[in-house]
C-alpha atoms as a PDB file:
ATOM      1  CA  MET A   1     -48.469  23.892  17.025  1.00  0.00           C
ATOM      2  CA  SER A   2     -46.346  25.928  19.343  1.00  0.00           C
ATOM      3  CA  ILE A   3     -43.182  27.662  18.282  1.00  0.00           C
ATOM      4  CA  ALA A   4     -41.159  25.663  20.805  1.00  0.00           C
ATOM      5  CA  LEU A   5     -42.334  22.397  19.227  1.00  0.00           C
ATOM      6  CA  ILE A   6     -41.546  23.655  15.723  1.00  0.00           C
ATOM      7  CA  VAL A   7     -38.054  24.767  16.797  1.00  0.00           C
ATOM      8  CA  THR A   8     -37.462  21.438  18.550  1.00  0.00           C
ATOM      9  CA  LEU A   9     -38.573  19.469  15.486  1.00  0.00           C
ATOM     10  CA  ALA A  10     -36.435  21.645  13.207  1.00  0.00           C
ATOM     11  CA  LEU A  11     -33.387  21.132  15.443  1.00  0.00           C
ATOM     12  CA  LEU A  12     -34.063  17.397  15.630  1.00  0.00           C
ATOM     13  CA  GLY A  13     -34.419  17.249  11.821  1.00  0.00           C
ATOM     14  CA  ALA A  14     -31.166  19.184  11.359  1.00  0.00           C
ATOM     15  CA  LEU A  15     -29.410  16.848  13.800  1.00  0.00           C
ATOM     16  CA  VAL A  16     -30.662  13.771  11.928  1.00  0.00           C
ATOM     17  CA  LEU A  17     -29.543  15.250   8.597  1.00  0.00           C
ATOM     18  CA  TYR A  18     -26.135  16.067  10.071  1.00  0.00           C
ATOM     19  CA  GLY A  19     -25.833  12.494  11.374  1.00  0.00           C
ATOM     20  CA  ILE A  20     -26.714  11.151   7.920  1.00  0.00           C
ATOM     21  CA  MET A  21     -24.057  13.359   6.333  1.00  0.00           C
ATOM     22  CA  ILE A  22     -21.436  12.111   8.800  1.00  0.00           C
ATOM     23  CA  TYR A  23     -22.427   8.490   8.168  1.00  0.00           C
ATOM     24  CA  ASN A  24     -22.235   8.935   4.385  1.00  0.00           C
ATOM     25  CA  ASN A  25     -18.812  10.577   4.643  1.00  0.00           C
ATOM     26  CA  LEU A  26     -17.532   7.717   6.797  1.00  0.00           C
ATOM     27  CA  VAL A  27     -18.841   5.199   4.262  1.00  0.00           C
ATOM     28  CA  SER A  28     -17.086   7.122   1.496  1.00  0.00           C
ATOM     29  CA  LEU A  29     -13.785   7.068   3.410  1.00  0.00           C
ATOM     30  CA  LYS A  30     -14.105   3.341   4.109  1.00  0.00           C
ATOM     31  CA  HIS A  31     -14.615   2.642   0.424  1.00  0.00           C
ATOM     32  CA  ALA A  32     -11.701   4.908  -0.516  1.00  0.00           C
ATOM     33  CA  VAL A  33      -9.458   2.693   1.635  1.00  0.00           C
ATOM     34  CA  SER A  34     -10.854  -0.424  -0.064  1.00  0.00           C
ATOM     35  CA  LYS A  35     -10.337   1.082  -3.510  1.00  0.00           C
ATOM     36  CA  ALA A  36      -6.766   2.095  -2.688  1.00  0.00           C
ATOM     37  CA  TRP A  37      -6.050  -1.437  -1.453  1.00  0.00           C
ATOM     38  CA  ALA A  38      -7.579  -2.914  -4.620  1.00  0.00           C
ATOM     39  CA  ASN A  39      -5.201  -0.781  -6.714  1.00  0.00           C
ATOM     40  CA  ILE A  40      -2.209  -2.126  -4.780  1.00  0.00           C
ATOM     41  CA  ASP A  41      -3.565  -5.654  -4.962  1.00  0.00           C
ATOM     42  CA  VAL A  42      -3.754  -5.528  -8.770  1.00  0.00           C
ATOM     43  CA  LEU A  43      -0.117  -4.439  -9.002  1.00  0.00           C
ATOM     44  CA  LEU A  44       1.017  -7.054  -6.484  1.00  0.00           C
ATOM     45  CA  LYS A  45      -0.763  -9.725  -8.511  1.00  0.00           C
ATOM     46  CA  GLN A  46       0.875  -8.555 -11.736  1.00  0.00           C
ATOM     47  CA  ARG A  47       4.299  -8.606 -10.113  1.00  0.00           C
ATOM     48  CA  HIS A  48       3.526 -11.999  -8.579  1.00  0.00           C
ATOM     49  CA  ASP A  49       2.837 -13.335 -12.083  1.00  0.00           C
ATOM     50  CA  GLU A  50       6.016 -11.815 -13.567  1.00  0.00           C
ATOM     51  CA  LEU A  51       8.502 -12.984 -10.935  1.00  0.00           C
ATOM     52  CA  PRO A  52       8.583 -16.689 -11.915  1.00  0.00           C
ATOM     53  CA  LYS A  53       9.407 -15.661 -15.487  1.00  0.00           C
ATOM     54  CA  LEU A  54      12.275 -13.507 -14.228  1.00  0.00           C
ATOM     55  CA  VAL A  55      13.616 -16.228 -11.949  1.00  0.00           C
ATOM     56  CA  GLU A  56      13.423 -18.833 -14.719  1.00  0.00           C
ATOM     57  CA  THR A  57      15.239 -16.536 -17.140  1.00  0.00           C
ATOM     58  CA  CYS A  58      17.946 -15.901 -14.530  1.00  0.00           C
ATOM     59  CA  ARG A  59      18.168 -19.588 -13.611  1.00  0.00           C
ATOM     60  CA  GLN A  60      19.264 -20.381 -17.165  1.00  0.00           C
ATOM     61  CA  TYR A  61      22.316 -18.149 -16.773  1.00  0.00           C
ATOM     62  CA  MET A  62      23.002 -17.995 -13.035  1.00  0.00           C
ATOM     63  CA  LYS A  63      23.871 -21.582 -12.231  1.00  0.00           C
ATOM     64  CA  TYR A  64      25.687 -20.684  -8.997  1.00  0.00           C
ATOM     65  CA  GLU A  65      23.209 -18.211  -7.563  1.00  0.00           C
ATOM     66  CA  GLN A  66      20.457 -20.617  -6.458  1.00  0.00           C
ATOM     67  CA  GLU A  67      20.265 -19.176  -2.941  1.00  0.00           C
ATOM     68  CA  THR A  68      19.407 -15.716  -4.285  1.00  0.00           C
ATOM     69  CA  LEU A  69      16.787 -17.132  -6.632  1.00  0.00           C
ATOM     70  CA  GLU A  70      15.244 -19.215  -3.846  1.00  0.00           C
ATOM     71  CA  ARG A  71      15.050 -16.166  -1.552  1.00  0.00           C
ATOM     72  CA  VAL A  72      13.143 -14.254  -4.227  1.00  0.00           C
ATOM     73  CA  ILE A  73      10.684 -17.119  -4.693  1.00  0.00           C
ATOM     74  CA  GLN A  74      10.235 -17.544  -0.926  1.00  0.00           C
ATOM     75  CA  ALA A  75       9.621 -13.809  -0.472  1.00  0.00           C
ATOM     76  CA  ARG A  76       7.162 -13.902  -3.382  1.00  0.00           C
ATOM     77  CA  SER A  77       5.194 -16.616  -1.568  1.00  0.00           C
ATOM     78  CA  GLN A  78       5.196 -14.607   1.667  1.00  0.00           C
ATOM     79  CA  VAL A  79       3.902 -11.512  -0.139  1.00  0.00           C
ATOM     80  CA  GLN A  80       1.154 -13.590  -1.746  1.00  0.00           C
ATOM     81  CA  ALA A  81       0.057 -15.079   1.598  1.00  0.00           C
ATOM     82  CA  ALA A  82       0.003 -11.666   3.306  1.00  0.00           C
ATOM     83  CA  ARG A  83      -1.807 -10.137   0.323  1.00  0.00           C
ATOM     84  CA  GLU A  84      -4.524 -12.773   0.394  1.00  0.00           C
ATOM     85  CA  SER A  85      -5.048 -12.401   4.145  1.00  0.00           C
ATOM     86  CA  HIS A  86      -4.949  -8.567   4.003  1.00  0.00           C
ATOM     87  CA  ASP A  87      -2.339  -8.619   6.796  1.00  0.00           C
ATOM     88  CA  MET A  88      -0.641  -5.246   6.326  1.00  0.00           C
ATOM     89  CA  GLY A  89       2.052  -5.896   8.939  1.00  0.00           C
ATOM     90  CA  SER A  90       3.145  -9.168   7.335  1.00  0.00           C
ATOM     91  CA  LEU A  91       2.820  -7.661   3.872  1.00  0.00           C
ATOM     92  CA  GLY A  92       5.187  -4.840   4.795  1.00  0.00           C
ATOM     93  CA  GLN A  93       7.790  -7.313   6.079  1.00  0.00           C
ATOM     94  CA  ALA A  94       7.403  -9.637   3.088  1.00  0.00           C
ATOM     95  CA  GLU A  95       7.637  -6.699   0.690  1.00  0.00           C
ATOM     96  CA  GLY A  96      10.893  -5.671   2.340  1.00  0.00           C
ATOM     97  CA  ALA A  97      12.336  -9.159   1.895  1.00  0.00           C
ATOM     98  CA  LEU A  98      11.173  -9.328  -1.714  1.00  0.00           C
ATOM     99  CA  ARG A  99      12.583  -5.922  -2.624  1.00  0.00           C
ATOM    100  CA  LEU A 100      15.895  -6.826  -1.006  1.00  0.00           C
ATOM    101  CA  GLY A 101      15.952 -10.122  -2.917  1.00  0.00           C
ATOM    102  CA  LEU A 102      15.176  -8.391  -6.207  1.00  0.00           C
ATOM    103  CA  GLY A 103      17.873  -5.802  -5.536  1.00  0.00           C
ATOM    104  CA  ASN A 104      20.372  -8.600  -4.915  1.00  0.00           C
ATOM    105  CA  LEU A 105      19.210 -10.446  -8.029  1.00  0.00           C
ATOM    106  CA  PHE A 106      19.568  -7.400 -10.268  1.00  0.00           C
ATOM    107  CA  ALA A 107      22.969  -6.609  -8.747  1.00  0.00           C
ATOM    108  CA  LEU A 108      24.193 -10.178  -9.318  1.00  0.00           C
ATOM    109  CA  ALA A 109      22.954 -10.020 -12.908  1.00  0.00           C
ATOM    110  CA  GLU A 110      25.794  -7.570 -13.524  1.00  0.00           C
ATOM    111  CA  ASP A 111      28.187 -10.542 -13.304  1.00  0.00           C
ATOM    112  CA  TYR A 112      26.410 -12.308 -16.183  1.00  0.00           C
ATOM    113  CA  PRO A 113      26.820 -10.356 -19.453  1.00  0.00           C
ATOM    114  CA  GLU A 114      24.758 -12.893 -21.426  1.00  0.00           C
ATOM    115  CA  LEU A 115      21.896 -12.503 -18.954  1.00  0.00           C
ATOM    116  CA  LYS A 116      22.077  -8.702 -19.076  1.00  0.00           C
ATOM    117  CA  ALA A 117      21.930  -8.870 -22.877  1.00  0.00           C
ATOM    118  CA  ASP A 118      18.982 -11.268 -22.915  1.00  0.00           C
ATOM    119  CA  GLN A 119      15.882  -9.494 -24.272  1.00  0.00           C
ATOM    120  CA  THR A 120      13.516 -11.407 -21.973  1.00  0.00           C
ATOM    121  CA  PHE A 121      15.562 -10.435 -18.922  1.00  0.00           C
ATOM    122  CA  GLN A 122      15.685  -6.794 -19.990  1.00  0.00           C
ATOM    123  CA  HIS A 123      11.928  -6.748 -20.576  1.00  0.00           C
ATOM    124  CA  LEU A 124      11.158  -8.425 -17.236  1.00  0.00           C
ATOM    125  CA  GLN A 125      13.588  -6.210 -15.338  1.00  0.00           C
ATOM    126  CA  THR A 126      11.969  -3.098 -16.810  1.00  0.00           C
ATOM    127  CA  ARG A 127       8.457  -4.441 -16.184  1.00  0.00           C
ATOM    128  CA  ILE A 128       9.152  -5.397 -12.567  1.00  0.00           C
ATOM    129  CA  SER A 129      10.946  -2.111 -11.868  1.00  0.00           C
ATOM    130  CA  GLY A 130       7.927  -0.260 -13.278  1.00  0.00           C
ATOM    131  CA  LEU A 131       5.583  -2.316 -11.096  1.00  0.00           C
ATOM    132  CA  GLU A 132       7.764  -1.565  -8.045  1.00  0.00           C
ATOM    133  CA  ASN A 133       7.453   2.169  -8.717  1.00  0.00           C
ATOM    134  CA  ALA A 134       3.700   1.883  -9.231  1.00  0.00           C
ATOM    135  CA  ILE A 135       3.335  -0.099  -5.982  1.00  0.00           C
ATOM    136  CA  ALA A 136       5.242   2.617  -4.108  1.00  0.00           C
ATOM    137  CA  ASP A 137       2.945   5.288  -5.570  1.00  0.00           C
ATOM    138  CA  ARG A 138      -0.191   3.310  -4.731  1.00  0.00           C
ATOM    139  CA  ARG A 139       1.106   2.566  -1.237  1.00  0.00           C
ATOM    140  CA  GLU A 140       1.353   6.300  -0.635  1.00  0.00           C
ATOM    141  CA  PHE A 141      -2.217   6.800  -1.893  1.00  0.00           C
ATOM    142  CA  TYR A 142      -3.444   3.890   0.250  1.00  0.00           C
ATOM    143  CA  ASN A 143      -1.782   5.270   3.375  1.00  0.00           C
ATOM    144  CA  GLU A 144      -3.324   8.693   2.728  1.00  0.00           C
ATOM    145  CA  ALA A 145      -6.771   7.078   2.451  1.00  0.00           C
ATOM    146  CA  VAL A 146      -6.162   5.090   5.649  1.00  0.00           C
ATOM    147  CA  ASN A 147      -5.005   8.198   7.478  1.00  0.00           C
ATOM    148  CA  ALA A 148      -8.066  10.203   6.368  1.00  0.00           C
ATOM    149  CA  ASN A 149     -10.330   7.344   7.472  1.00  0.00           C
ATOM    150  CA  ASN A 150      -8.612   6.858  10.830  1.00  0.00           C
ATOM    151  CA  VAL A 151      -8.546  10.561  11.683  1.00  0.00           C
ATOM    152  CA  ARG A 152     -12.185  11.008  10.766  1.00  0.00           C
ATOM    153  CA  ILE A 153     -13.476   8.104  12.868  1.00  0.00           C
ATOM    154  CA  GLU A 154     -11.672   9.538  15.906  1.00  0.00           C
ATOM    155  CA  GLN A 155     -12.929  13.113  15.531  1.00  0.00           C
ATOM    156  CA  PHE A 156     -15.921  14.414  17.413  1.00  0.00           C
ATOM    157  CA  PRO A 157     -18.820  14.105  16.565  1.00  0.00           C
ATOM    158  CA  ASP A 158     -17.916  11.524  13.909  1.00  0.00           C
ATOM    159  CA  VAL A 159     -16.627   9.146  16.576  1.00  0.00           C
ATOM    160  CA  ILE A 160     -20.175   8.758  17.902  1.00  0.00           C
ATOM    161  CA  ILE A 161     -21.509   7.638  14.514  1.00  0.00           C
ATOM    162  CA  ALA A 162     -18.387   5.530  13.823  1.00  0.00           C
ATOM    163  CA  ASN A 163     -18.693   3.639  17.107  1.00  0.00           C
ATOM    164  CA  ASN A 164     -22.434   3.094  16.781  1.00  0.00           C
ATOM    165  CA  PHE A 165     -22.169   1.750  13.236  1.00  0.00           C
ATOM    166  CA  GLY A 166     -18.987  -0.292  13.632  1.00  0.00           C
ATOM    167  CA  PHE A 167     -16.538   1.722  11.538  1.00  0.00           C
ATOM    168  CA  LYS A 168     -13.020   0.469  12.245  1.00  0.00           C
ATOM    169  CA  ALA A 169      -9.559   1.929  11.836  1.00  0.00           C
ATOM    170  CA  ALA A 170      -7.574   0.593   8.884  1.00  0.00           C
ATOM    171  CA  GLU A 171      -3.927  -0.459   9.108  1.00  0.00           C
ATOM    172  CA  LEU A 172      -1.202   1.505   7.331  1.00  0.00           C
ATOM    173  CA  LEU A 173       0.995  -0.358   4.875  1.00  0.00           C
ATOM    174  CA  GLU A 174       4.493   0.162   6.229  1.00  0.00           C
ATOM    175  CA  PHE A 175       7.692  -1.488   5.099  1.00  0.00           C
ATOM    176  CA  SER A 176      10.429  -2.692   7.408  1.00  0.00           C
ATOM    177  CA  GLU A 177      13.442  -0.616   8.314  1.00  0.00           C
ATOM    178  CA  ALA A 178      15.622  -3.060   6.354  1.00  0.00           C
ATOM    179  CA  GLU A 179      13.651  -2.262   3.198  1.00  0.00           C
ATOM    180  CA  LYS A 180      14.194   1.464   3.688  1.00  0.00           C
ATOM    181  CA  ALA A 181      17.937   1.119   4.297  1.00  0.00           C
ATOM    182  CA  ASP A 182      20.514   1.491   1.554  1.00  0.00           C
ATOM    183  CA  VAL A 183      21.684  -1.749  -0.033  1.00  0.00           C
ATOM    184  CA  ASP A 184      25.259  -2.685   0.897  1.00  0.00           C
ATOM    185  CA  MET A 185      26.638  -3.244  -2.610  1.00  0.00           C
ATOM    186  CA  ARG A 186      30.016  -4.445  -1.301  1.00  0.00           C
ATOM    187  CA  SER A 187      28.449  -7.404   0.463  1.00  0.00           C
ATOM    188  CA  LEU A 188      26.803  -8.480  -2.779  1.00  0.00           C
ATOM    189  CA  PHE A 189      30.143  -8.894  -4.516  1.00  0.00           C
ATOM    190  CA  THR A 190      32.285 -10.428  -1.788  1.00  0.00           C
END
């Protein structure tokens, strides 16, 4: 065997090994995105299960606040539909509506001392607030995983492997501008 053939085979072998390493890293990133989404999904499901209990507890005290309660339930349904379809754009909008509705609900609860003193309400409020914080933390982790995946599949030479094996960009989970804005507390009490 000639030296040129040995060098060519060695270079070809190194190139194949490098391609395998790139492929395996892309697979790892894709699964990191899936895992991060699964973590959010678990928390969304838990909150989805807790919200009817909160609304029912509030309904017993807040006889004149049906519109607020209905908005929370409607937003809950929208979050569930977006969650099941993995539609990040719709999920971000629905999350914004739900968070706004919950903020309004908790603010209105201030007008009902019996409701605020109710142990079930206090427990559910604490539980849902904790889930909201956990969802925010997991959303950040998810978006980091999506960003790492999306950057990697666009970088050279990874883009060659990504295109040939069908790796796709993932969608960031972003919330609407309304969800990021401060709540106008005056409008809640007028």
